[in-house]
């Protein structure tokens, strides 16, 4: 019975704990992004008073945040393909933390 060739130690693919950690971090990141996109919705009734503007003007605040996210997502993906996903993820996290 032929035996499969053995691999030298340390040349295998990612280990299960590391893969699970990556999935957990990506899931957490998705939740954070979805919460940040809807962060402005609870203050919509207060925006006219806070910004001293009519309600019809301040209603665009929700649309602007969703539009910015819709534009930034594919741009960040393309930049991640060009310059590295890790670098773009770290830059995105720094921008989100500001």
N, C-alpha and C. Protein backbone atom coordinates (compact mmCIF):
# COMPACT_ATOMS: atom_id res chain seq x y z
N UNK A 1 0.85 -1.16 0.00
CA UNK A 1 0.00 0.00 0.00
C UNK A 1 0.90 1.23 0.00
N UNK A 2 0.75 2.11 -0.99
CA UNK A 2 1.62 3.29 -1.05
C UNK A 2 1.24 4.29 0.04
N UNK A 3 2.25 4.94 0.55
CA UNK A 3 2.04 5.96 1.59
C UNK A 3 2.14 7.34 0.96
N UNK A 4 1.34 8.25 1.47
CA UNK A 4 1.40 9.63 0.99
C UNK A 4 2.69 10.26 1.51
N UNK A 5 3.34 11.07 0.69
CA UNK A 5 4.57 11.71 1.17
C UNK A 5 4.25 12.65 2.32
N UNK A 6 5.09 12.63 3.30
CA UNK A 6 4.86 13.50 4.45
C UNK A 6 5.46 14.87 4.19
N UNK A 7 4.81 15.87 4.73
CA UNK A 7 5.29 17.24 4.59
C UNK A 7 6.23 17.57 5.73
N UNK A 8 7.23 18.40 5.45
CA UNK A 8 8.06 18.87 6.56
C UNK A 8 7.23 19.76 7.48
N UNK A 9 7.61 19.79 8.73
CA UNK A 9 6.88 20.58 9.72
C UNK A 9 6.89 22.06 9.33
N UNK A 10 5.74 22.69 9.48
CA UNK A 10 5.65 24.13 9.25
C UNK A 10 5.36 24.51 7.81
N UNK A 11 5.12 23.56 6.91
CA UNK A 11 4.84 23.92 5.52
C UNK A 11 3.38 23.73 5.15
N UNK A 12 2.56 23.37 6.09
CA UNK A 12 1.15 23.16 5.79
C UNK A 12 0.41 24.47 5.69
N UNK A 13 -0.87 24.37 5.42
CA UNK A 13 -1.73 25.55 5.30
C UNK A 13 -2.04 26.13 6.67
N UNK A 14 -2.96 27.08 6.70
CA UNK A 14 -3.31 27.70 7.98
C UNK A 14 -3.95 26.68 8.92
N UNK A 15 -3.63 26.82 10.16
CA UNK A 15 -4.19 25.91 11.15
C UNK A 15 -5.63 26.30 11.45
N UNK A 16 -6.38 25.37 11.99
CA UNK A 16 -7.80 25.62 12.27
C UNK A 16 -8.01 26.78 13.25
N UNK A 17 -7.24 26.88 14.35
CA UNK A 17 -7.47 28.02 15.25
C UNK A 17 -7.24 29.37 14.56
N UNK A 18 -6.22 29.45 13.71
CA UNK A 18 -5.96 30.71 13.03
C UNK A 18 -7.09 31.05 12.05
N UNK A 19 -7.57 30.05 11.32
CA UNK A 19 -8.67 30.27 10.39
C UNK A 19 -9.92 30.71 11.14
N UNK A 20 -10.19 30.12 12.28
CA UNK A 20 -11.34 30.52 13.09
C UNK A 20 -11.20 31.94 13.59
N UNK A 21 -9.99 32.33 13.95
CA UNK A 21 -9.77 33.70 14.42
C UNK A 21 -10.01 34.70 13.29
N UNK A 22 -9.58 34.37 12.08
CA UNK A 22 -9.79 35.26 10.94
C UNK A 22 -11.28 35.42 10.67
N UNK A 23 -12.02 34.33 10.71
CA UNK A 23 -13.47 34.40 10.49
C UNK A 23 -14.13 35.25 11.58
N UNK A 24 -13.71 35.07 12.82
CA UNK A 24 -14.30 35.84 13.92
C UNK A 24 -14.01 37.33 13.76
N UNK A 25 -12.79 37.69 13.39
CA UNK A 25 -12.43 39.10 13.21
C UNK A 25 -13.20 39.71 12.04
N UNK A 26 -13.33 38.98 10.95
CA UNK A 26 -14.07 39.49 9.80
C UNK A 26 -15.56 39.66 10.12
N UNK A 27 -16.13 38.73 10.87
CA UNK A 27 -17.53 38.85 11.27
C UNK A 27 -17.73 40.06 12.17
N UNK A 28 -16.81 40.25 13.11
CA UNK A 28 -16.89 41.41 14.00
C UNK A 28 -16.76 42.71 13.21
N UNK A 29 -15.86 42.72 12.23
CA UNK A 29 -15.70 43.91 11.39
C UNK A 29 -16.96 44.22 10.61
N UNK A 30 -17.63 43.19 10.10
CA UNK A 30 -18.89 43.40 9.38
C UNK A 30 -19.97 43.99 10.27
N UNK A 31 -20.03 43.53 11.50
CA UNK A 31 -21.02 44.06 12.45
C UNK A 31 -20.72 45.52 12.77
N UNK A 32 -19.45 45.84 12.98
CA UNK A 32 -19.06 47.22 13.28
C UNK A 32 -19.41 48.15 12.12
N UNK A 33 -19.12 47.72 10.90
CA UNK A 33 -19.43 48.56 9.73
C UNK A 33 -20.93 48.77 9.60
N UNK A 34 -21.71 47.72 9.79
CA UNK A 34 -23.16 47.89 9.65
C UNK A 34 -23.72 48.81 10.73
N UNK A 35 -23.17 48.74 11.93
CA UNK A 35 -23.62 49.64 12.99
C UNK A 35 -23.19 51.08 12.72
N UNK A 36 -22.00 51.28 12.19
CA UNK A 36 -21.54 52.64 11.89
C UNK A 36 -22.38 53.28 10.79
N UNK A 37 -22.84 52.48 9.83
CA UNK A 37 -23.65 53.03 8.76
C UNK A 37 -25.02 53.49 9.25
N UNK A 38 -25.52 52.88 10.29
CA UNK A 38 -26.85 53.25 10.80
C UNK A 38 -26.76 54.13 12.06
N UNK A 39 -25.58 54.59 12.38
CA UNK A 39 -25.38 55.38 13.59
C UNK A 39 -26.14 56.70 13.58
N UNK A 40 -26.32 57.28 12.42
CA UNK A 40 -26.95 58.59 12.32
C UNK A 40 -28.48 58.51 12.42
N UNK A 41 -29.06 57.35 12.19
CA UNK A 41 -30.53 57.23 12.15
C UNK A 41 -31.21 57.64 13.46
N UNK A 42 -30.71 57.27 14.64
CA UNK A 42 -31.42 57.68 15.87
C UNK A 42 -31.44 59.19 16.12
N UNK A 43 -30.51 59.94 15.54
CA UNK A 43 -30.50 61.38 15.79
C UNK A 43 -31.18 62.19 14.70
N UNK A 44 -31.80 61.54 13.72
CA UNK A 44 -32.45 62.25 12.62
C UNK A 44 -33.49 63.25 13.13
N UNK A 45 -34.35 62.92 14.12
CA UNK A 45 -35.31 63.92 14.58
C UNK A 45 -34.66 65.13 15.24
N UNK A 46 -33.46 64.98 15.78
CA UNK A 46 -32.77 66.08 16.45
C UNK A 46 -31.91 66.93 15.51
N UNK A 47 -31.65 66.44 14.30
CA UNK A 47 -30.74 67.15 13.40
C UNK A 47 -31.18 68.58 13.06
N UNK A 48 -32.45 68.85 12.80
CA UNK A 48 -32.82 70.25 12.50
C UNK A 48 -32.45 71.20 13.64
N UNK A 49 -32.65 70.78 14.86
CA UNK A 49 -32.30 71.63 16.01
C UNK A 49 -30.78 71.73 16.16
N UNK A 50 -30.07 70.61 16.02
CA UNK A 50 -28.63 70.62 16.20
C UNK A 50 -27.90 71.40 15.12
N UNK A 51 -28.41 71.36 13.88
CA UNK A 51 -27.73 72.01 12.77
C UNK A 51 -28.35 73.35 12.37
N UNK A 52 -29.41 73.74 13.07
CA UNK A 52 -30.12 74.98 12.75
C UNK A 52 -30.48 75.03 11.27
N UNK A 53 -31.12 73.97 10.80
CA UNK A 53 -31.50 73.87 9.38
C UNK A 53 -32.88 73.24 9.30
N UNK A 54 -33.57 73.43 8.17
CA UNK A 54 -34.89 72.81 8.02
C UNK A 54 -34.78 71.28 7.94
N UNK A 55 -35.84 70.60 8.28
CA UNK A 55 -35.85 69.14 8.31
C UNK A 55 -35.61 68.55 6.93
N UNK A 56 -36.06 69.22 5.88
CA UNK A 56 -35.86 68.68 4.53
C UNK A 56 -34.38 68.64 4.14
N UNK A 57 -33.60 69.54 4.69
CA UNK A 57 -32.16 69.57 4.40
C UNK A 57 -31.43 68.52 5.23
N UNK A 58 -31.81 68.38 6.47
CA UNK A 58 -31.09 67.45 7.36
C UNK A 58 -31.43 65.99 7.08
N UNK A 59 -32.51 65.73 6.37
CA UNK A 59 -32.86 64.34 6.04
C UNK A 59 -31.82 63.70 5.13
N UNK A 60 -31.04 64.51 4.44
CA UNK A 60 -30.01 63.99 3.56
C UNK A 60 -28.82 63.42 4.34
N UNK A 61 -28.76 63.60 5.63
CA UNK A 61 -27.64 63.08 6.42
C UNK A 61 -27.58 61.55 6.34
N UNK A 62 -28.72 60.89 6.39
CA UNK A 62 -28.75 59.43 6.29
C UNK A 62 -28.31 58.99 4.90
N UNK A 63 -28.83 59.67 3.88
CA UNK A 63 -28.47 59.32 2.51
C UNK A 63 -26.98 59.53 2.27
N UNK A 64 -26.43 60.59 2.81
CA UNK A 64 -25.01 60.88 2.61
C UNK A 64 -24.13 59.81 3.24
N UNK A 65 -24.46 59.33 4.43
CA UNK A 65 -23.63 58.30 5.06
C UNK A 65 -23.70 56.99 4.30
N UNK A 66 -24.89 56.63 3.84
CA UNK A 66 -25.02 55.39 3.07
C UNK A 66 -24.35 55.50 1.70
N UNK A 67 -24.43 56.67 1.08
CA UNK A 67 -23.79 56.88 -0.21
C UNK A 67 -22.27 56.83 -0.07
N UNK A 68 -21.74 57.44 0.98
CA UNK A 68 -20.30 57.39 1.21
C UNK A 68 -19.82 55.95 1.41
N UNK A 69 -20.59 55.16 2.13
CA UNK A 69 -20.22 53.75 2.33
C UNK A 69 -20.30 52.96 1.03
N UNK A 70 -21.32 53.26 0.22
CA UNK A 70 -21.48 52.55 -1.05
C UNK A 70 -20.34 52.86 -2.02
N UNK A 71 -19.78 54.05 -1.94
CA UNK A 71 -18.66 54.41 -2.80
C UNK A 71 -17.35 53.89 -2.22
N UNK A 72 -17.19 53.96 -0.91
CA UNK A 72 -15.92 53.58 -0.28
C UNK A 72 -15.68 52.07 -0.31
N UNK A 73 -16.72 51.27 -0.28
CA UNK A 73 -16.54 49.82 -0.22
C UNK A 73 -15.84 49.27 -1.47
N UNK A 74 -16.32 49.52 -2.69
CA UNK A 74 -15.59 48.99 -3.84
C UNK A 74 -14.23 49.65 -4.05
N UNK A 75 -14.11 50.93 -3.68
CA UNK A 75 -12.80 51.59 -3.82
C UNK A 75 -11.78 50.96 -2.89
N UNK A 76 -12.18 50.67 -1.67
CA UNK A 76 -11.26 50.04 -0.73
C UNK A 76 -10.91 48.63 -1.19
N UNK A 77 -11.86 47.92 -1.74
CA UNK A 77 -11.57 46.59 -2.28
C UNK A 77 -10.56 46.64 -3.41
N UNK A 78 -10.72 47.60 -4.30
CA UNK A 78 -9.77 47.73 -5.42
C UNK A 78 -8.39 48.14 -4.91
N UNK A 79 -8.34 49.08 -4.00
CA UNK A 79 -7.06 49.47 -3.43
C UNK A 79 -6.42 48.31 -2.66
N UNK A 80 -7.25 47.49 -2.04
CA UNK A 80 -6.74 46.31 -1.35
C UNK A 80 -6.11 45.32 -2.32
N UNK A 81 -6.70 45.19 -3.51
CA UNK A 81 -6.11 44.33 -4.54
C UNK A 81 -4.78 44.90 -5.03
N UNK A 82 -4.69 46.22 -5.08
CA UNK A 82 -3.48 46.85 -5.61
C UNK A 82 -2.36 46.93 -4.57
N UNK A 83 -2.68 47.31 -3.34
CA UNK A 83 -1.66 47.60 -2.34
C UNK A 83 -1.62 46.63 -1.17
N UNK A 84 -2.52 45.69 -1.13
CA UNK A 84 -2.53 44.72 -0.05
C UNK A 84 -3.75 44.88 0.84
N UNK A 85 -4.40 43.78 1.09
CA UNK A 85 -5.64 43.81 1.88
C UNK A 85 -5.38 44.20 3.33
N UNK A 86 -4.29 43.70 3.89
CA UNK A 86 -3.98 44.02 5.28
C UNK A 86 -3.76 45.52 5.46
N UNK A 87 -2.99 46.11 4.55
CA UNK A 87 -2.71 47.55 4.64
C UNK A 87 -4.00 48.36 4.56
N UNK A 88 -4.87 48.00 3.61
CA UNK A 88 -6.11 48.76 3.45
C UNK A 88 -7.05 48.55 4.63
N UNK A 89 -7.05 47.34 5.19
CA UNK A 89 -7.87 47.10 6.37
C UNK A 89 -7.40 47.95 7.55
N UNK A 90 -6.10 48.03 7.74
CA UNK A 90 -5.57 48.86 8.83
C UNK A 90 -5.86 50.33 8.60
N UNK A 91 -5.71 50.79 7.36
CA UNK A 91 -6.02 52.20 7.06
C UNK A 91 -7.50 52.48 7.31
N UNK A 92 -8.37 51.55 6.90
CA UNK A 92 -9.81 51.73 7.13
C UNK A 92 -10.14 51.77 8.61
N UNK A 93 -9.47 50.92 9.39
CA UNK A 93 -9.71 50.93 10.84
C UNK A 93 -9.26 52.24 11.48
N UNK A 94 -8.14 52.78 11.01
CA UNK A 94 -7.66 54.07 11.55
C UNK A 94 -8.65 55.18 11.21
N UNK A 95 -9.13 55.19 9.98
CA UNK A 95 -10.10 56.22 9.57
C UNK A 95 -11.40 56.09 10.37
N UNK A 96 -11.85 54.86 10.59
CA UNK A 96 -13.09 54.64 11.35
C UNK A 96 -12.92 55.04 12.81
N UNK A 97 -11.71 54.92 13.34
CA UNK A 97 -11.47 55.25 14.75
C UNK A 97 -11.39 56.76 14.99
N UNK A 98 -11.19 57.52 13.94
CA UNK A 98 -11.04 58.98 14.10
C UNK A 98 -12.32 59.62 14.49
